[in-house]
Amino acid sequence: MPDFDMLVIGSGPGGQKAAIAAAKLGRRVAVVDRPDMVGGVSIHTGTIPSKTLREAVLYLTGLTQRDMYGQSYRLKEDITVADLITRTRHVVSREVDVIRNQLARNQVSLFAGTGRFADPNTVSVLELNGSEKLLSAEHIVIATGTRPARPTSVEFDGRSIMDSDNVLDLERVPRSMVIVGAGVIGMEYASMFAALGSKVTVVEKRPGMLDFCDVEVIESLKYHLRDLAVTFRFGETVAAVERHPKGTLTILESGKKIPADAVMYSAGRQGLTDELDLDKAGLTADKRGRIKVDEHYRTEVPHIYAVGDVIGFPALAATSMEQGRMAAYHACGEPVHGMFDLQPIGIYTIPEISFIGRTEDQLTEDRVPFEVGISRYRELARGQIIGDSHGMLKLLVSPEDRTLLGVHCFGTGATELIHIGQAVMGCGGTVDYLVDAVFNYPTLAESYKVAALDATNKIRQIDRLKD
């Protein structure tokens, strides 16, 4: 008889939820992770630290209050790394305590160490004292997450040349910074350091940034970042990065040279599978360290599952949690619905971006007719109260059946507001529900009613022409 019904390698969002779900179903469950990484990359170097850092930046710089109190307004004049890290460490510590408590409360055994396969049903745990423990299980879930991908041609030192995991180790806020990569992580950190007063240059080999988002939203983000003195170098590739006593020099293939105090690479993520001895379990990973799974998150070995960033797209903490729960339910023979196709995307730039459904470009390419309804925060009382005159909500509405085809939000609270649109779309609701609904006043949620009225008025004008 195996030691456990389910063994989870990794305690991040996916692994933790898989373990808790199986334990709730009465199974004997164990989790293996390093003692300093309980909660996974998400808690220690990814989602939680970066979003906490963002809140600290917004609070200390007073950035969101400058429309009201003037462009020179700051809560603290000389912001240090210590000011930023204090809040981050507090939140991380509390989150680790919460996770440890949840595992203990559900009688999930937590083994401190690094795990690797000994055979398809056995994991070898290397403990801190060097001893080795073998644990067997009927089902195994791989939830090891990812690490930042590092080009071999660049000599990282974690201080002046770093990846996103090293940001919290900075000794001081750099006066100037080069960020290589205009993806989600790159743009989040670019906006944070720009808000702190760093002169940021973003280098991206593609012709634009965040091309999966609404074009109007991205143009708005670009405008705001340029207003914070961010420089964009699109269509450029880094040839070399040199470290000098007084800073760094980034040399582009076009011949441009960019001096800066620090360089941060945000060049994608690599699955943490190289130390798992996957071959002993009959598994393989692709060149990015990702593991292939089916719709139930089973790998090629049916009793072994994989969830979270280690399986690739969408690689979000929210979807990882749901993948973990669904994998556990399937392994335990519990009925489970598949994950909805409609998944909200949240990007914690300054200001926030969030959307669900299709963009205008996608609908145009698919030859799907749509009408646009827009609400701008400056037209809302709540927008004036909080000092956000730049935010906006956009609804893409089908003129045929009046359903929502997409919701795109830019500004304060965008990642919260998007869930109203998600609920309406998920339930097959129409724009008429938003027109007739009563929203609290003054709120940002009221933007849904304003945007819905805008869209329906446009549809009405077209219908009048037909009569």
Protein backbone atom coordinates (compact mmCIF):
# COMPACT_ATOMS: atom_id res chain seq x y z
CA MET A 1 0.00 0.00 0.00
CA PRO A 2 1.47 3.44 -0.94
CA ASP A 3 2.30 5.98 1.77
CA PHE A 4 -0.21 8.47 0.39
CA ASP A 5 -3.17 8.65 -1.95
CA MET A 6 -1.77 11.84 -3.47
CA LEU A 7 1.68 13.41 -3.37
CA VAL A 8 2.12 16.98 -4.60
CA ILE A 9 5.53 18.33 -5.62
CA GLY A 10 5.39 22.09 -5.06
CA SER A 11 3.20 24.22 -2.77
CA GLY A 12 2.39 27.13 -5.07
CA PRO A 13 -1.19 28.06 -6.05
CA GLY A 14 -1.74 24.91 -8.15
CA GLY A 15 -0.07 22.47 -5.77
CA GLN A 16 -1.68 23.90 -2.67
CA LYS A 17 -5.20 23.79 -4.12
CA ALA A 18 -4.68 20.24 -5.43
CA ALA A 19 -3.55 19.09 -1.98
CA ILE A 20 -6.42 20.82 -0.15
CA ALA A 21 -9.03 19.53 -2.62
CA ALA A 22 -7.85 15.92 -2.27
CA ALA A 23 -7.72 16.23 1.52
CA LYS A 24 -11.30 17.57 1.57
CA LEU A 25 -12.30 14.42 -0.30
CA GLY A 26 -10.85 12.31 2.52
CA ARG A 27 -7.59 11.29 0.84
CA ARG A 28 -4.18 10.96 2.50
CA VAL A 29 -2.15 13.81 1.03
CA ALA A 30 1.43 15.04 1.26
CA VAL A 31 3.21 18.08 -0.17
CA VAL A 32 6.94 18.34 -0.84
CA ASP A 33 8.64 21.72 -1.04
CA ARG A 34 11.71 23.58 0.19
CA PRO A 35 11.11 25.12 3.63
CA ASP A 36 11.99 28.58 2.33
CA MET A 37 9.56 28.24 -0.59
CA VAL A 38 6.28 27.24 1.07
CA GLY A 39 3.68 28.92 -1.11
CA GLY A 40 5.88 28.60 -4.17
CA VAL A 41 7.30 31.21 -6.52
CA SER A 42 3.95 33.02 -6.46
CA ILE A 43 4.36 33.90 -2.77
CA HIS A 44 8.11 34.52 -2.63
CA THR A 45 9.29 36.10 -5.89
CA GLY A 46 6.28 36.35 -8.21
CA THR A 47 2.66 37.42 -7.87
CA ILE A 48 2.42 38.43 -4.20
CA PRO A 49 5.73 40.35 -3.84
CA SER A 50 5.31 42.19 -7.15
CA LYS A 51 1.72 43.22 -6.44
CA THR A 52 2.59 44.24 -2.87
CA LEU A 53 5.54 46.23 -4.21
CA ARG A 54 3.14 47.97 -6.60
CA GLU A 55 0.84 48.98 -3.75
CA ALA A 56 3.81 50.32 -1.77
CA VAL A 57 4.96 52.33 -4.80
CA LEU A 58 1.50 53.84 -5.34
CA TYR A 59 1.15 54.72 -1.66
CA LEU A 60 4.60 56.21 -1.08
CA THR A 61 4.84 58.14 -4.36
CA GLY A 62 1.31 59.52 -4.12
CA LEU A 63 1.11 59.01 -7.88
CA THR A 64 -2.65 58.50 -8.02
CA GLN A 65 -3.27 61.73 -6.09
CA ARG A 66 -1.27 64.07 -8.30
CA ASP A 67 -4.19 65.09 -10.50
CA MET A 68 -5.76 66.46 -7.34
CA TYR A 69 -2.80 67.82 -5.37
CA GLY A 70 -0.30 68.70 -8.10
CA GLN A 71 2.47 66.89 -9.97
CA SER A 72 5.01 67.50 -7.21
CA TYR A 73 2.91 65.68 -4.58
CA ARG A 74 4.67 62.77 -2.83
CA LEU A 75 3.90 61.09 0.46
CA LYS A 76 7.64 60.44 1.02
CA GLU A 77 10.35 62.38 -0.71
CA ASP A 78 13.25 59.93 -0.51
CA ILE A 79 11.84 56.44 -1.03
CA THR A 80 14.32 53.68 -0.23
CA VAL A 81 14.27 49.97 -1.04
CA ALA A 82 13.80 49.34 2.69
CA ASP A 83 10.53 51.32 2.56
CA LEU A 84 9.29 49.08 -0.23
CA ILE A 85 10.55 45.77 1.15
CA THR A 86 9.09 46.25 4.63
CA ARG A 87 5.54 45.95 3.35
CA THR A 88 6.42 43.11 0.98
CA ARG A 89 8.09 40.98 3.65
CA HIS A 90 5.16 41.47 6.01
CA VAL A 91 2.63 40.30 3.41
CA VAL A 92 4.78 37.34 2.30
CA SER A 93 5.25 36.22 5.91
CA ARG A 94 1.51 36.38 6.59
CA GLU A 95 0.68 34.48 3.39
CA VAL A 96 3.16 31.69 4.24
CA ASP A 97 1.53 31.38 7.68
CA VAL A 98 -1.92 31.14 6.06
CA ILE A 99 -0.78 28.36 3.71
CA ARG A 100 0.96 26.39 6.46
CA ASN A 101 -2.17 26.68 8.59
CA GLN A 102 -4.44 25.52 5.75
CA LEU A 103 -2.29 22.46 5.08
CA ALA A 104 -2.10 21.58 8.78
CA ARG A 105 -5.83 22.15 9.33
CA ASN A 106 -6.63 19.74 6.50
CA GLN A 107 -4.10 17.18 7.78
CA VAL A 108 -1.84 17.49 4.74
CA SER A 109 1.68 16.32 5.54
CA LEU A 110 4.35 18.85 4.56
CA PHE A 111 7.83 17.48 3.83
CA ALA A 112 10.66 20.01 3.75
CA GLY A 113 13.12 19.33 0.95
CA THR A 114 13.46 18.95 -2.80
CA GLY A 115 11.67 16.10 -4.55
CA ARG A 116 12.64 14.04 -7.57
CA PHE A 117 11.24 10.86 -9.07
CA ALA A 118 12.73 7.52 -8.05
CA ASP A 119 10.14 5.65 -10.15
CA PRO A 120 6.63 6.42 -11.48
CA ASN A 121 5.04 6.03 -8.03
CA THR A 122 7.88 7.10 -5.76
CA VAL A 123 9.43 10.48 -5.00
CA SER A 124 12.79 10.86 -3.28
CA VAL A 125 12.89 13.84 -0.90
CA LEU A 126 16.33 15.33 -0.19
CA GLU A 127 16.07 17.01 3.20
CA LEU A 128 18.13 19.96 4.43
CA ASN A 129 20.34 17.75 6.60
CA GLY A 130 21.32 15.71 3.53
CA SER A 131 19.23 12.65 4.39
CA GLU A 132 16.92 11.10 1.81
CA LYS A 133 13.35 9.93 2.30
CA LEU A 134 11.30 7.87 -0.17
CA LEU A 135 7.57 8.59 -0.41
CA SER A 136 5.17 6.53 -2.50
CA ALA A 137 1.75 7.61 -3.74
CA GLU A 138 -1.11 6.36 -5.89
CA HIS A 139 -1.29 9.74 -7.66
CA ILE A 140 1.40 12.39 -8.04
CA VAL A 141 0.86 16.05 -8.99
CA ILE A 142 3.75 18.08 -10.41
CA ALA A 143 3.33 21.74 -9.49
CA THR A 144 6.91 22.98 -9.47
CA GLY A 145 6.30 26.28 -11.28
CA THR A 146 8.88 28.21 -13.28
CA ARG A 147 11.92 30.45 -12.98
CA PRO A 148 12.92 33.43 -15.15
CA ALA A 149 14.62 32.41 -18.39
CA ARG A 150 18.18 33.76 -18.60
CA PRO A 151 20.07 34.20 -21.88
CA THR A 152 23.41 32.38 -21.65
CA SER A 153 25.18 35.31 -23.28
CA VAL A 154 24.40 37.63 -20.35
CA GLU A 155 26.37 37.55 -17.10
CA PHE A 156 23.82 38.05 -14.33
CA ASP A 157 24.99 39.22 -10.91
CA GLY A 158 21.56 39.73 -9.31
CA ARG A 159 22.29 43.39 -8.52
CA SER A 160 23.15 45.47 -11.55
CA ILE A 161 22.13 42.83 -14.11
CA MET A 162 19.13 40.89 -12.86
CA ASP A 163 15.93 39.03 -13.62
CA SER A 164 12.51 39.63 -12.05
CA ASP A 165 13.35 37.33 -9.11
CA ASN A 166 16.22 39.61 -8.04
CA VAL A 167 14.27 42.88 -7.94
CA LEU A 168 13.61 42.55 -4.21
CA ASP A 169 17.37 42.25 -3.61
CA LEU A 170 18.17 45.72 -4.97
CA GLU A 171 20.26 47.84 -2.61
CA ARG A 172 18.72 51.12 -3.78
CA VAL A 173 16.18 52.45 -6.25
CA PRO A 174 18.14 52.85 -9.52
CA ARG A 175 18.20 56.31 -11.07
CA SER A 176 18.05 54.69 -14.51
CA MET A 177 17.09 51.22 -15.67
CA VAL A 178 16.88 49.15 -18.85
CA ILE A 179 14.13 46.52 -18.97
CA VAL A 180 14.58 43.89 -21.67
CA GLY A 181 11.20 42.47 -22.69
CA ALA A 182 7.83 44.22 -22.94
CA GLY A 183 5.71 41.32 -21.75
CA VAL A 184 3.43 41.36 -18.71
CA ILE A 185 6.21 41.15 -16.09
CA GLY A 186 8.44 43.62 -17.91
CA MET A 187 5.70 46.22 -18.24
CA GLU A 188 4.57 45.82 -14.64
CA TYR A 189 8.07 46.54 -13.34
CA ALA A 190 8.65 49.28 -15.92
CA SER A 191 5.63 51.18 -14.62
CA MET A 192 6.64 50.65 -10.97
CA PHE A 193 10.19 51.94 -11.37
CA ALA A 194 9.01 54.81 -13.56
CA ALA A 195 6.58 55.81 -10.79
CA LEU A 196 9.51 55.77 -8.34
CA GLY A 197 11.33 58.26 -10.56
CA SER A 198 13.73 55.93 -12.37
CA LYS A 199 14.45 56.77 -15.98
CA VAL A 200 13.29 53.54 -17.65
CA THR A 201 14.11 52.31 -21.16
CA VAL A 202 12.16 49.30 -22.44
CA VAL A 203 13.81 47.21 -25.16
CA GLU A 204 11.60 44.78 -27.09
CA LYS A 205 12.41 42.87 -30.28
CA ARG A 206 8.75 42.78 -31.31
CA PRO A 207 7.14 45.84 -32.94
CA GLY A 208 4.90 46.48 -29.93
CA MET A 209 3.94 45.39 -26.43
CA LEU A 210 1.14 43.29 -24.96
CA ASP A 211 -0.27 42.60 -28.43
CA PHE A 212 -3.00 40.35 -27.00
CA CYS A 213 -4.67 43.37 -25.38
CA ASP A 214 -7.03 45.97 -26.80
CA VAL A 215 -5.13 48.43 -29.02
CA GLU A 216 -6.78 51.51 -27.50
CA VAL A 217 -5.91 50.35 -23.98
CA ILE A 218 -2.27 49.73 -24.91
CA GLU A 219 -2.02 53.14 -26.55
CA SER A 220 -3.35 54.67 -23.32
CA LEU A 221 -0.80 52.74 -21.26
CA LYS A 222 2.01 53.88 -23.57
CA TYR A 223 0.89 57.48 -23.21
CA HIS A 224 0.91 57.29 -19.41
CA LEU A 225 4.29 55.56 -19.27
CA ARG A 226 5.82 58.10 -21.64
CA ASP A 227 4.42 60.78 -19.34
CA LEU A 228 6.52 59.11 -16.60
CA ALA A 229 9.60 59.44 -18.87
CA VAL A 230 9.66 55.82 -20.08
CA THR A 231 11.46 55.36 -23.41
CA PHE A 232 10.46 52.49 -25.72
CA ARG A 233 12.85 50.79 -28.14
CA PHE A 234 10.66 48.45 -30.18
CA GLY A 235 12.07 46.25 -32.93
CA GLU A 236 15.43 46.22 -31.14
CA THR A 237 17.50 43.25 -29.95
CA VAL A 238 20.14 43.33 -27.22
CA ALA A 239 23.58 42.33 -28.53
CA ALA A 240 25.46 42.60 -25.23
CA VAL A 241 25.29 43.97 -21.71
CA GLU A 242 28.49 45.31 -20.15
CA ARG A 243 29.06 45.87 -16.45
CA HIS A 244 31.17 48.86 -15.47
CA PRO A 245 32.16 50.38 -12.08
CA LYS A 246 29.65 53.19 -12.53
CA GLY A 247 26.79 51.16 -14.00
CA THR A 248 25.83 49.10 -17.04
CA LEU A 249 25.93 49.62 -20.78
CA THR A 250 23.33 47.87 -22.93
CA ILE A 251 24.43 47.55 -26.56
CA LEU A 252 21.73 46.93 -29.16
CA GLU A 253 22.25 45.17 -32.48
CA SER A 254 21.34 48.44 -34.21
CA GLY A 255 24.41 50.02 -32.62
CA LYS A 256 22.57 52.05 -29.96
CA LYS A 257 24.15 52.14 -26.50
CA ILE A 258 22.06 52.71 -23.38
CA PRO A 259 23.82 53.55 -20.09
CA ALA A 260 21.90 52.73 -16.89
CA ASP A 261 22.37 51.89 -13.24
CA ALA A 262 20.70 48.50 -13.71
CA VAL A 263 19.37 46.09 -16.33
CA MET A 264 16.44 43.75 -15.74
CA TYR A 265 15.68 40.86 -18.10
CA SER A 266 12.10 39.76 -18.51
CA ALA A 267 12.54 37.20 -21.27
CA GLY A 268 9.93 34.58 -20.44
CA ARG A 269 9.91 31.73 -17.93
CA GLN A 270 11.51 28.28 -17.78
CA GLY A 271 9.74 25.29 -16.20
CA LEU A 272 11.38 23.94 -13.03
CA THR A 273 11.63 20.37 -14.24
CA ASP A 274 15.35 19.84 -14.89
CA GLU A 275 15.96 18.41 -11.39
CA LEU A 276 12.87 16.18 -11.22
CA ASP A 277 14.43 13.16 -12.98
CA LEU A 278 11.33 12.96 -15.16
CA ASP A 279 12.79 10.08 -17.16
CA LYS A 280 12.49 7.82 -14.13
CA ALA A 281 8.75 8.49 -14.18
CA GLY A 282 8.50 7.92 -17.93
CA LEU A 283 8.02 11.63 -18.65
CA THR A 284 9.75 14.30 -20.72
CA ALA A 285 9.63 18.11 -20.85
CA ASP A 286 10.01 20.42 -23.85
CA LYS A 287 12.94 22.83 -24.29
CA ARG A 288 11.15 25.39 -22.09
CA GLY A 289 10.80 22.81 -19.31
CA ARG A 290 7.04 22.47 -19.79
CA ILE A 291 5.10 19.22 -19.39
CA LYS A 292 2.34 18.21 -21.78
CA VAL A 293 -1.06 17.35 -20.24
CA ASP A 294 -4.56 16.43 -21.43
CA GLU A 295 -7.85 18.15 -20.59
CA HIS A 296 -7.81 16.55 -17.13
CA TYR A 297 -4.20 17.69 -16.50
CA ARG A 298 -2.92 14.14 -16.78
CA THR A 299 0.54 13.65 -18.21
CA GLU A 300 1.53 10.79 -20.53
CA VAL A 301 1.68 8.64 -17.39
CA PRO A 302 -2.01 8.49 -16.38
CA HIS A 303 -1.57 8.60 -12.59
CA ILE A 304 0.79 11.62 -12.75
CA TYR A 305 -0.74 15.07 -13.17
CA ALA A 306 0.85 18.47 -13.81
CA VAL A 307 -0.69 21.89 -13.08
CA GLY A 308 0.25 25.55 -13.01
CA ASP A 309 2.99 27.41 -14.82
CA VAL A 310 4.91 24.19 -15.48
CA ILE A 311 2.36 23.25 -18.18
CA GLY A 312 2.57 26.65 -19.91
CA PHE A 313 -0.21 29.01 -21.01
CA PRO A 314 -1.99 30.79 -19.42
CA ALA A 315 0.46 30.54 -16.49
CA LEU A 316 -1.63 32.65 -14.10
CA ALA A 317 -2.00 32.08 -10.36
CA ALA A 318 -5.80 32.13 -10.71
CA THR A 319 -5.92 29.48 -13.43
CA SER A 320 -3.26 27.41 -11.65
CA MET A 321 -5.48 27.17 -8.58
CA GLU A 322 -8.39 25.90 -10.65
CA GLN A 323 -6.17 23.44 -12.50
CA GLY A 324 -4.99 22.03 -9.17
CA ARG A 325 -8.53 21.56 -7.92
CA MET A 326 -9.67 19.94 -11.17
CA ALA A 327 -6.68 17.58 -11.28
CA ALA A 328 -7.33 16.47 -7.70
CA TYR A 329 -11.02 15.89 -8.38
CA HIS A 330 -10.25 13.82 -11.47
CA ALA A 331 -7.65 11.75 -9.64
CA CYS A 332 -10.14 11.09 -6.84
CA GLY A 333 -12.97 10.17 -9.23
CA GLU A 334 -15.00 13.24 -8.27
CA PRO A 335 -17.23 14.78 -10.98
CA VAL A 336 -15.87 18.12 -12.14
CA HIS A 337 -16.84 20.62 -14.80
CA GLY A 338 -14.19 21.72 -17.25
CA MET A 339 -12.71 25.19 -16.88
CA PHE A 340 -14.71 27.90 -18.63
CA ASP A 341 -13.23 29.21 -21.86
CA LEU A 342 -13.80 32.75 -20.61
CA GLN A 343 -10.84 33.59 -18.40
CA PRO A 344 -10.14 37.11 -17.14
CA ILE A 345 -6.67 38.52 -17.72
CA GLY A 346 -5.25 41.00 -15.20
CA ILE A 347 -2.09 43.02 -15.75
CA TYR A 348 -0.86 45.05 -12.78
CA THR A 349 0.77 47.90 -14.62
CA ILE A 350 0.19 51.47 -13.46
CA PRO A 351 -2.68 51.95 -14.30
CA GLU A 352 -4.11 48.40 -14.25
CA ILE A 353 -5.33 46.55 -17.34
CA SER A 354 -7.90 43.78 -17.31
CA PHE A 355 -10.07 42.17 -19.96
CA ILE A 356 -12.18 39.16 -20.83
CA GLY A 357 -13.40 37.95 -24.20
CA ARG A 358 -12.22 39.11 -27.60
CA THR A 359 -10.63 42.36 -28.75
CA GLU A 360 -11.81 44.62 -31.57
CA ASP A 361 -9.03 43.30 -33.83
CA GLN A 362 -9.98 39.67 -33.16
CA LEU A 363 -13.66 40.32 -33.86
CA THR A 364 -12.80 42.17 -37.06
CA GLU A 365 -10.54 39.35 -38.19
CA ASP A 366 -13.30 36.82 -37.43
CA ARG A 367 -15.80 39.03 -39.32
CA VAL A 368 -18.03 39.33 -36.27
CA PRO A 369 -20.07 42.58 -36.19
CA PHE A 370 -19.91 44.53 -32.95
CA GLU A 371 -20.73 47.88 -31.41
CA VAL A 372 -18.57 49.69 -28.86
CA GLY A 373 -19.75 51.26 -25.62
CA ILE A 374 -17.29 53.34 -23.63
CA SER A 375 -17.36 54.89 -20.17
CA ARG A 376 -14.55 57.15 -18.97
CA TYR A 377 -13.70 57.50 -15.30
CA ARG A 378 -13.60 61.30 -15.61
CA GLU A 379 -17.36 61.21 -16.30
CA LEU A 380 -18.02 59.30 -13.07
CA ALA A 381 -18.31 60.92 -9.65
CA ARG A 382 -16.21 58.12 -8.18
CA GLY A 383 -13.49 58.76 -10.75
CA GLN A 384 -13.30 62.39 -9.63
CA ILE A 385 -13.30 61.41 -5.95
CA ILE A 386 -10.33 59.03 -6.29
CA GLY A 387 -8.47 61.30 -8.70
CA ASP A 388 -8.44 58.94 -11.71
CA SER A 389 -9.45 60.89 -14.79
CA HIS A 390 -7.71 58.54 -17.23
CA GLY A 391 -9.48 55.22 -16.64
CA MET A 392 -12.00 53.74 -19.03
CA LEU A 393 -14.29 50.75 -19.52
CA LYS A 394 -15.06 49.41 -22.99
CA LEU A 395 -17.87 46.98 -23.85
CA LEU A 396 -17.95 45.14 -27.18
CA VAL A 397 -21.57 44.23 -27.89
CA SER A 398 -23.17 42.08 -30.57
CA PRO A 399 -25.83 44.17 -32.38
CA GLU A 400 -27.60 40.94 -33.39
CA ASP A 401 -28.29 39.26 -30.04
CA ARG A 402 -26.97 42.04 -27.72
CA THR A 403 -24.59 39.72 -25.86
CA LEU A 404 -21.22 40.91 -24.60
CA LEU A 405 -18.33 39.84 -26.85
CA GLY A 406 -15.58 41.46 -24.81
CA VAL A 407 -14.97 43.71 -21.82
CA HIS A 408 -11.80 45.81 -21.56
CA CYS A 409 -10.88 47.95 -18.58
CA PHE A 410 -8.00 50.36 -17.96
CA GLY A 411 -7.51 52.24 -14.72
CA THR A 412 -7.97 51.99 -10.97
CA GLY A 413 -9.59 48.72 -9.88
CA ALA A 414 -9.66 47.26 -13.39
CA THR A 415 -8.81 43.75 -12.16
CA GLU A 416 -11.76 43.90 -9.75
CA LEU A 417 -14.26 45.53 -12.11
CA ILE A 418 -13.73 42.94 -14.84
CA HIS A 419 -15.57 40.29 -12.82
CA ILE A 420 -18.92 42.03 -13.34
CA GLY A 421 -18.47 41.59 -17.07
CA GLN A 422 -17.26 38.04 -16.54
CA ALA A 423 -20.43 37.15 -14.62
CA VAL A 424 -22.71 38.63 -17.29
CA MET A 425 -20.83 36.91 -20.12
CA GLY A 426 -20.58 33.60 -18.27
CA CYS A 427 -24.33 33.53 -17.67
CA GLY A 428 -25.12 34.46 -21.28
CA GLY A 429 -26.51 37.84 -20.26
CA THR A 430 -27.04 40.78 -22.59
CA VAL A 431 -26.15 44.44 -22.53
CA ASP A 432 -29.75 45.12 -21.53
CA TYR A 433 -29.11 43.66 -18.07
CA LEU A 434 -26.44 46.31 -17.51
CA VAL A 435 -28.76 49.05 -18.81
CA ASP A 436 -31.55 48.05 -16.42
CA ALA A 437 -29.36 47.21 -13.39
CA VAL A 438 -29.01 49.66 -10.50
CA PHE A 439 -25.41 50.20 -9.37
CA ASN A 440 -24.32 51.80 -6.12
CA TYR A 441 -23.49 55.48 -6.50
CA PRO A 442 -20.83 56.76 -6.56
CA THR A 443 -18.83 53.70 -7.70
CA LEU A 444 -16.56 52.71 -10.56
CA ALA A 445 -18.95 49.81 -11.21
CA GLU A 446 -21.39 52.40 -12.51
CA SER A 447 -19.13 52.56 -15.59
CA TYR A 448 -20.87 49.39 -16.82
CA LYS A 449 -24.22 51.18 -17.01
CA VAL A 450 -22.72 54.21 -18.76
CA ALA A 451 -20.89 52.02 -21.32
CA ALA A 452 -24.00 49.86 -21.83
CA LEU A 453 -26.14 52.93 -22.52
CA ASP A 454 -23.51 54.19 -24.95
CA ALA A 455 -23.54 50.88 -26.87
CA THR A 456 -27.35 50.52 -26.94
CA ASN A 457 -27.79 54.10 -28.13
CA LYS A 458 -25.51 53.37 -31.08
CA ILE A 459 -27.39 50.17 -31.87
CA ARG A 460 -30.68 52.09 -31.69
CA GLN A 461 -29.45 54.65 -34.22
CA ILE A 462 -28.64 51.86 -36.68
CA ASP A 463 -32.07 50.27 -36.14
CA ARG A 464 -33.78 53.61 -36.81
CA LEU A 465 -32.07 53.92 -40.17
CA LYS A 466 -33.43 50.51 -41.14
CA ASP A 467 -37.03 51.42 -40.32
